[in-house]
């Protein structure tokens, strides 16, 4: 399943710019990096872990019923 991705820069006080990626439909699922590409790669890795956790937790909840 595809999830919408929001990519935006974060301008730090030291003049450096970092990038943040978040998935609005996956609360708290974010990634970051020094470049857009790094931030997207980090977010994709985070999303995989996030979705695996949800899937495993859902299976656990179903088995308790």
PDB file of N, CA and C in Angstrom:
ATOM      1  N   UNK A   1       0.845  -1.185   0.000  1.00  0.00           N
ATOM      2  CA  UNK A   1       0.000   0.000   0.000  1.00  0.00           C
ATOM      3  C   UNK A   1       0.885   1.241   0.000  1.00  0.00           C
ATOM      4  N   UNK A   2       0.519   2.199  -0.807  1.00  0.00           N
ATOM      5  CA  UNK A   2       1.263   3.456  -0.862  1.00  0.00           C
ATOM      6  C   UNK A   2       0.692   4.454   0.139  1.00  0.00           C
ATOM      7  N   UNK A   3       1.584   5.189   0.758  1.00  0.00           N
ATOM      8  CA  UNK A   3       1.185   6.221   1.707  1.00  0.00           C
ATOM      9  C   UNK A   3       1.730   7.558   1.236  1.00  0.00           C
ATOM     10  N   UNK A   4       0.930   8.602   1.394  1.00  0.00           N
ATOM     11  CA  UNK A   4       1.377   9.946   1.030  1.00  0.00           C
ATOM     12  C   UNK A   4       2.570  10.321   1.896  1.00  0.00           C
ATOM     13  N   UNK A   5       3.503  11.026   1.282  1.00  0.00           N
ATOM     14  CA  UNK A   5       4.733  11.418   1.946  1.00  0.00           C
ATOM     15  C   UNK A   5       4.835  12.948   1.914  1.00  0.00           C
ATOM     16  N   UNK A   6       5.174  13.528   3.045  1.00  0.00           N
ATOM     17  CA  UNK A   6       5.378  14.976   3.136  1.00  0.00           C
ATOM     18  C   UNK A   6       6.872  15.214   3.365  1.00  0.00           C
ATOM     19  N   UNK A   7       7.503  15.949   2.461  1.00  0.00           N
ATOM     20  CA  UNK A   7       8.933  16.223   2.541  1.00  0.00           C
ATOM     21  C   UNK A   7       9.124  17.723   2.732  1.00  0.00           C
ATOM     22  N   UNK A   8       9.922  18.078   3.747  1.00  0.00           N
ATOM     23  CA  UNK A   8      10.161  19.504   3.954  1.00  0.00           C
ATOM     24  C   UNK A   8      11.525  19.752   4.599  1.00  0.00           C
ATOM     25  N   UNK A   9      12.081  20.942   4.329  1.00  0.00           N
ATOM     26  CA  UNK A   9      13.382  21.279   4.914  1.00  0.00           C
ATOM     27  C   UNK A   9      13.229  21.791   6.338  1.00  0.00           C
ATOM     28  N   UNK A  10      14.270  21.568   7.116  1.00  0.00           N
ATOM     29  CA  UNK A  10      14.357  22.143   8.454  1.00  0.00           C
ATOM     30  C   UNK A  10      15.620  23.001   8.457  1.00  0.00           C
ATOM     31  N   UNK A  11      15.445  24.296   8.630  1.00  0.00           N
ATOM     32  CA  UNK A  11      16.566  25.226   8.613  1.00  0.00           C
ATOM     33  C   UNK A  11      17.064  25.423  10.042  1.00  0.00           C
ATOM     34  N   UNK A  12      18.274  25.000  10.282  1.00  0.00           N
ATOM     35  CA  UNK A  12      18.857  25.075  11.616  1.00  0.00           C
ATOM     36  C   UNK A  12      19.511  26.435  11.854  1.00  0.00           C
ATOM     37  N   UNK A  13      19.695  26.762  13.107  1.00  0.00           N
ATOM     38  CA  UNK A  13      20.281  28.056  13.473  1.00  0.00           C
ATOM     39  C   UNK A  13      21.695  28.237  12.935  1.00  0.00           C
ATOM     40  N   UNK A  14      22.423  27.145  12.761  1.00  0.00           N
ATOM     41  CA  UNK A  14      23.798  27.241  12.274  1.00  0.00           C
ATOM     42  C   UNK A  14      23.879  27.411  10.757  1.00  0.00           C
ATOM     43  N   UNK A  15      22.734  27.567  10.101  1.00  0.00           N
ATOM     44  CA  UNK A  15      22.689  27.777   8.665  1.00  0.00           C
ATOM     45  C   UNK A  15      22.555  26.497   7.855  1.00  0.00           C
ATOM     46  N   UNK A  16      22.661  25.377   8.515  1.00  0.00           N
ATOM     47  CA  UNK A  16      22.542  24.090   7.838  1.00  0.00           C
ATOM     48  C   UNK A  16      21.072  23.768   7.592  1.00  0.00           C
ATOM     49  N   UNK A  17      20.816  23.055   6.514  1.00  0.00           N
ATOM     50  CA  UNK A  17      19.461  22.594   6.218  1.00  0.00           C
ATOM     51  C   UNK A  17      19.442  21.076   6.260  1.00  0.00           C
ATOM     52  N   UNK A  18      18.511  20.522   7.006  1.00  0.00           N
ATOM     53  CA  UNK A  18      18.270  19.088   7.027  1.00  0.00           C
ATOM     54  C   UNK A  18      16.878  18.855   6.465  1.00  0.00           C
ATOM     55  N   UNK A  19      16.593  17.611   6.121  1.00  0.00           N
ATOM     56  CA  UNK A  19      15.319  17.278   5.503  1.00  0.00           C
ATOM     57  C   UNK A  19      14.546  16.298   6.368  1.00  0.00           C
ATOM     58  N   UNK A  20      13.246  16.492   6.390  1.00  0.00           N
ATOM     59  CA  UNK A  20      12.354  15.632   7.158  1.00  0.00           C
ATOM     60  C   UNK A  20      11.290  15.072   6.209  1.00  0.00           C
ATOM     61  N   UNK A  21      10.968  13.821   6.425  1.00  0.00           N
ATOM     62  CA  UNK A  21       9.905  13.163   5.669  1.00  0.00           C
ATOM     63  C   UNK A  21       8.945  12.560   6.680  1.00  0.00           C
ATOM     64  N   UNK A  22       7.676  12.805   6.490  1.00  0.00           N
ATOM     65  CA  UNK A  22       6.686  12.183   7.359  1.00  0.00           C
ATOM     66  C   UNK A  22       5.558  11.607   6.523  1.00  0.00           C
ATOM     67  N   UNK A  23       4.910  10.620   7.099  1.00  0.00           N
ATOM     68  CA  UNK A  23       3.732  10.004   6.493  1.00  0.00           C
ATOM     69  C   UNK A  23       2.534  10.437   7.322  1.00  0.00           C
ATOM     70  N   UNK A  24       1.737  11.373   6.830  1.00  0.00           N
ATOM     71  CA  UNK A  24       0.612  11.879   7.612  1.00  0.00           C
ATOM     72  C   UNK A  24      -0.368  10.795   8.080  1.00  0.00           C
ATOM     73  N   UNK A  25      -0.514   9.722   7.312  1.00  0.00           N
ATOM     74  CA  UNK A  25      -1.443   8.656   7.688  1.00  0.00           C
ATOM     75  C   UNK A  25      -0.845   7.659   8.679  1.00  0.00           C
ATOM     76  N   UNK A  26       0.455   7.783   8.948  1.00  0.00           N
ATOM     77  CA  UNK A  26       1.138   6.882   9.874  1.00  0.00           C
ATOM     78  C   UNK A  26       1.712   7.732  11.001  1.00  0.00           C
ATOM     79  N   UNK A  27       0.906   7.987  11.987  1.00  0.00           N
ATOM     80  CA  UNK A  27       1.266   8.905  13.066  1.00  0.00           C
ATOM     81  C   UNK A  27       2.611   8.548  13.706  1.00  0.00           C
ATOM     82  N   UNK A  28       3.513   9.520  13.687  1.00  0.00           N
ATOM     83  CA  UNK A  28       4.821   9.352  14.306  1.00  0.00           C
ATOM     84  C   UNK A  28       5.853   8.673  13.421  1.00  0.00           C
ATOM     85  N   UNK A  29       5.497   8.324  12.203  1.00  0.00           N
ATOM     86  CA  UNK A  29       6.417   7.654  11.291  1.00  0.00           C
ATOM     87  C   UNK A  29       7.131   8.718  10.459  1.00  0.00           C
ATOM     88  N   UNK A  30       8.393   8.970  10.802  1.00  0.00           N
ATOM     89  CA  UNK A  30       9.169  10.021  10.139  1.00  0.00           C
ATOM     90  C   UNK A  30      10.571   9.528   9.818  1.00  0.00           C
ATOM     91  N   UNK A  31      11.228  10.263   8.953  1.00  0.00           N
ATOM     92  CA  UNK A  31      12.621  10.006   8.629  1.00  0.00           C
ATOM     93  C   UNK A  31      13.320  11.329   8.422  1.00  0.00           C
ATOM     94  N   UNK A  32      14.634  11.293   8.400  1.00  0.00           N
ATOM     95  CA  UNK A  32      15.375  12.526   8.212  1.00  0.00           C
ATOM     96  C   UNK A  32      16.745  12.268   7.640  1.00  0.00           C
ATOM     97  N   UNK A  33      17.344  13.330   7.123  1.00  0.00           N
ATOM     98  CA  UNK A  33      18.682  13.205   6.569  1.00  0.00           C
ATOM     99  C   UNK A  33      19.225  14.539   6.112  1.00  0.00           C
ATOM    100  N   UNK A  34      20.475  14.519   5.709  1.00  0.00           N
ATOM    101  CA  UNK A  34      21.131  15.732   5.227  1.00  0.00           C
ATOM    102  C   UNK A  34      20.679  16.113   3.824  1.00  0.00           C
ATOM    103  N   UNK A  35      20.183  15.124   3.070  1.00  0.00           N
ATOM    104  CA  UNK A  35      19.670  15.381   1.725  1.00  0.00           C
ATOM    105  C   UNK A  35      18.256  14.823   1.626  1.00  0.00           C
ATOM    106  N   UNK A  36      17.552  15.230   0.593  1.00  0.00           N
ATOM    107  CA  UNK A  36      16.199  14.699   0.374  1.00  0.00           C
ATOM    108  C   UNK A  36      16.260  13.183   0.188  1.00  0.00           C
ATOM    109  N   UNK A  37      17.245  12.730  -0.580  1.00  0.00           N
ATOM    110  CA  UNK A  37      17.373  11.300  -0.843  1.00  0.00           C
ATOM    111  C   UNK A  37      17.617  10.508   0.441  1.00  0.00           C
ATOM    112  N   UNK A  38      18.496  11.023   1.314  1.00  0.00           N
ATOM    113  CA  UNK A  38      18.758  10.355   2.587  1.00  0.00           C
ATOM    114  C   UNK A  38      17.503  10.329   3.457  1.00  0.00           C
ATOM    115  N   UNK A  39      16.781  11.431   3.475  1.00  0.00           N
ATOM    116  CA  UNK A  39      15.571  11.511   4.294  1.00  0.00           C
ATOM    117  C   UNK A  39      14.507  10.533   3.802  1.00  0.00           C
ATOM    118  N   UNK A  40      14.346  10.424   2.489  1.00  0.00           N
ATOM    119  CA  UNK A  40      13.359   9.497   1.932  1.00  0.00           C
ATOM    120  C   UNK A  40      13.762   8.059   2.226  1.00  0.00           C
ATOM    121  N   UNK A  41      15.036   7.736   2.054  1.00  0.00           N
ATOM    122  CA  UNK A  41      15.507   6.379   2.349  1.00  0.00           C
ATOM    123  C   UNK A  41      15.288   6.041   3.822  1.00  0.00           C
ATOM    124  N   UNK A  42      15.584   6.983   4.708  1.00  0.00           N
ATOM    125  CA  UNK A  42      15.376   6.762   6.138  1.00  0.00           C
ATOM    126  C   UNK A  42      13.896   6.570   6.440  1.00  0.00           C
ATOM    127  N   UNK A  43      13.053   7.382   5.819  1.00  0.00           N
ATOM    128  CA  UNK A  43      11.610   7.270   6.045  1.00  0.00           C
ATOM    129  C   UNK A  43      11.066   5.935   5.534  1.00  0.00           C
ATOM    130  N   UNK A  44      11.564   5.473   4.399  1.00  0.00           N
ATOM    131  CA  UNK A  44      11.118   4.182   3.859  1.00  0.00           C
ATOM    132  C   UNK A  44      11.496   3.051   4.805  1.00  0.00           C
ATOM    133  N   UNK A  45      12.710   3.113   5.365  1.00  0.00           N
ATOM    134  CA  UNK A  45      13.143   2.094   6.325  1.00  0.00           C
ATOM    135  C   UNK A  45      12.281   2.149   7.582  1.00  0.00           C
ATOM    136  N   UNK A  46      12.003   3.348   8.052  1.00  0.00           N
ATOM    137  CA  UNK A  46      11.167   3.521   9.237  1.00  0.00           C
ATOM    138  C   UNK A  46       9.758   3.009   8.980  1.00  0.00           C
ATOM    139  N   UNK A  47       9.238   3.291   7.792  1.00  0.00           N
ATOM    140  CA  UNK A  47       7.890   2.834   7.432  1.00  0.00           C
ATOM    141  C   UNK A  47       7.808   1.314   7.447  1.00  0.00           C
ATOM    142  N   UNK A  48       8.827   0.644   6.939  1.00  0.00           N
ATOM    143  CA  UNK A  48       8.831  -0.820   6.921  1.00  0.00           C
ATOM    144  C   UNK A  48       8.757  -1.381   8.341  1.00  0.00           C
ATOM    145  N   UNK A  49       9.535  -0.821   9.243  1.00  0.00           N
ATOM    146  CA  UNK A  49       9.517  -1.262  10.644  1.00  0.00           C
ATOM    147  C   UNK A  49       8.167  -0.944  11.277  1.00  0.00           C
ATOM    148  N   UNK A  50       7.675   0.246  11.023  1.00  0.00           N
ATOM    149  CA  UNK A  50       6.399   0.711  11.570  1.00  0.00           C
ATOM    150  C   UNK A  50       5.266  -0.234  11.154  1.00  0.00           C
ATOM    151  N   UNK A  51       5.198  -0.531   9.855  1.00  0.00           N
ATOM    152  CA  UNK A  51       4.121  -1.390   9.356  1.00  0.00           C
ATOM    153  C   UNK A  51       4.261  -2.824   9.854  1.00  0.00           C
ATOM    154  N   UNK A  52       5.498  -3.319   9.963  1.00  0.00           N
ATOM    155  CA  UNK A  52       5.715  -4.662  10.499  1.00  0.00           C
ATOM    156  C   UNK A  52       5.254  -4.725  11.951  1.00  0.00           C
ATOM    157  N   UNK A  53       5.559  -3.689  12.720  1.00  0.00           N
ATOM    158  CA  UNK A  53       5.113  -3.642  14.118  1.00  0.00           C
ATOM    159  C   UNK A  53       3.587  -3.667  14.201  1.00  0.00           C
ATOM    160  N   UNK A  54       2.930  -2.850  13.380  1.00  0.00           N
ATOM    161  CA  UNK A  54       1.468  -2.825  13.402  1.00  0.00           C
ATOM    162  C   UNK A  54       0.881  -4.185  13.045  1.00  0.00           C
ATOM    163  N   UNK A  55       1.469  -4.821  12.045  1.00  0.00           N
ATOM    164  CA  UNK A  55       0.977  -6.132  11.616  1.00  0.00           C
ATOM    165  C   UNK A  55       1.145  -7.167  12.729  1.00  0.00           C
ATOM    166  N   UNK A  56       2.316  -7.186  13.353  1.00  0.00           N
ATOM    167  CA  UNK A  56       2.563  -8.151  14.425  1.00  0.00           C
ATOM    168  C   UNK A  56       1.682  -7.866  15.634  1.00  0.00           C
ATOM    169  N   UNK A  57       1.490  -6.607  15.956  1.00  0.00           N
ATOM    170  CA  UNK A  57       0.660  -6.233  17.092  1.00  0.00           C
ATOM    171  C   UNK A  57      -0.801  -6.605  16.833  1.00  0.00           C
ATOM    172  N   UNK A  58      -1.245  -6.423  15.593  1.00  0.00           N
ATOM    173  CA  UNK A  58      -2.625  -6.778  15.249  1.00  0.00           C
ATOM    174  C   UNK A  58      -2.828  -8.280  15.377  1.00  0.00           C
ATOM    175  N   UNK A  59      -1.841  -9.073  14.919  1.00  0.00           N
ATOM    176  CA  UNK A  59      -1.948 -10.526  15.039  1.00  0.00           C
ATOM    177  C   UNK A  59      -2.010 -10.930  16.522  1.00  0.00           C
ATOM    178  N   UNK A  60      -1.195 -10.273  17.326  1.00  0.00           N
ATOM    179  CA  UNK A  60      -1.176 -10.577  18.762  1.00  0.00           C
ATOM    180  C   UNK A  60      -2.523 -10.234  19.402  1.00  0.00           C
ATOM    181  N   UNK A  61      -3.097  -9.105  19.027  1.00  0.00           N
ATOM    182  CA  UNK A  61      -4.382  -8.689  19.572  1.00  0.00           C
ATOM    183  C   UNK A  61      -5.479  -9.673  19.153  1.00  0.00           C
ATOM    184  N   UNK A  62      -5.432 -10.149  17.909  1.00  0.00           N
ATOM    185  CA  UNK A  62      -6.432 -11.098  17.436  1.00  0.00           C
ATOM    186  C   UNK A  62      -6.321 -12.438  18.158  1.00  0.00           C
ATOM    187  N   UNK A  63      -5.103 -12.864  18.470  1.00  0.00           N
ATOM    188  CA  UNK A  63      -4.936 -14.148  19.141  1.00  0.00           C
ATOM    189  C   UNK A  63      -5.364 -14.103  20.604  1.00  0.00           C
ATOM    190  N   UNK A  64      -5.452 -12.912  21.205  1.00  0.00           N
ATOM    191  CA  UNK A  64      -5.898 -12.759  22.592  1.00  0.00           C
ATOM    192  C   UNK A  64      -7.415 -12.831  22.709  1.00  0.00           C
ATOM    193  N   UNK A  65      -8.119 -12.603  21.618  1.00  0.00           N
ATOM    194  CA  UNK A  65      -9.587 -12.586  21.659  1.00  0.00           C
ATOM    195  C   UNK A  65     -10.180 -13.945  21.858  1.00  0.00           C
TER     196      UNK A  65
END
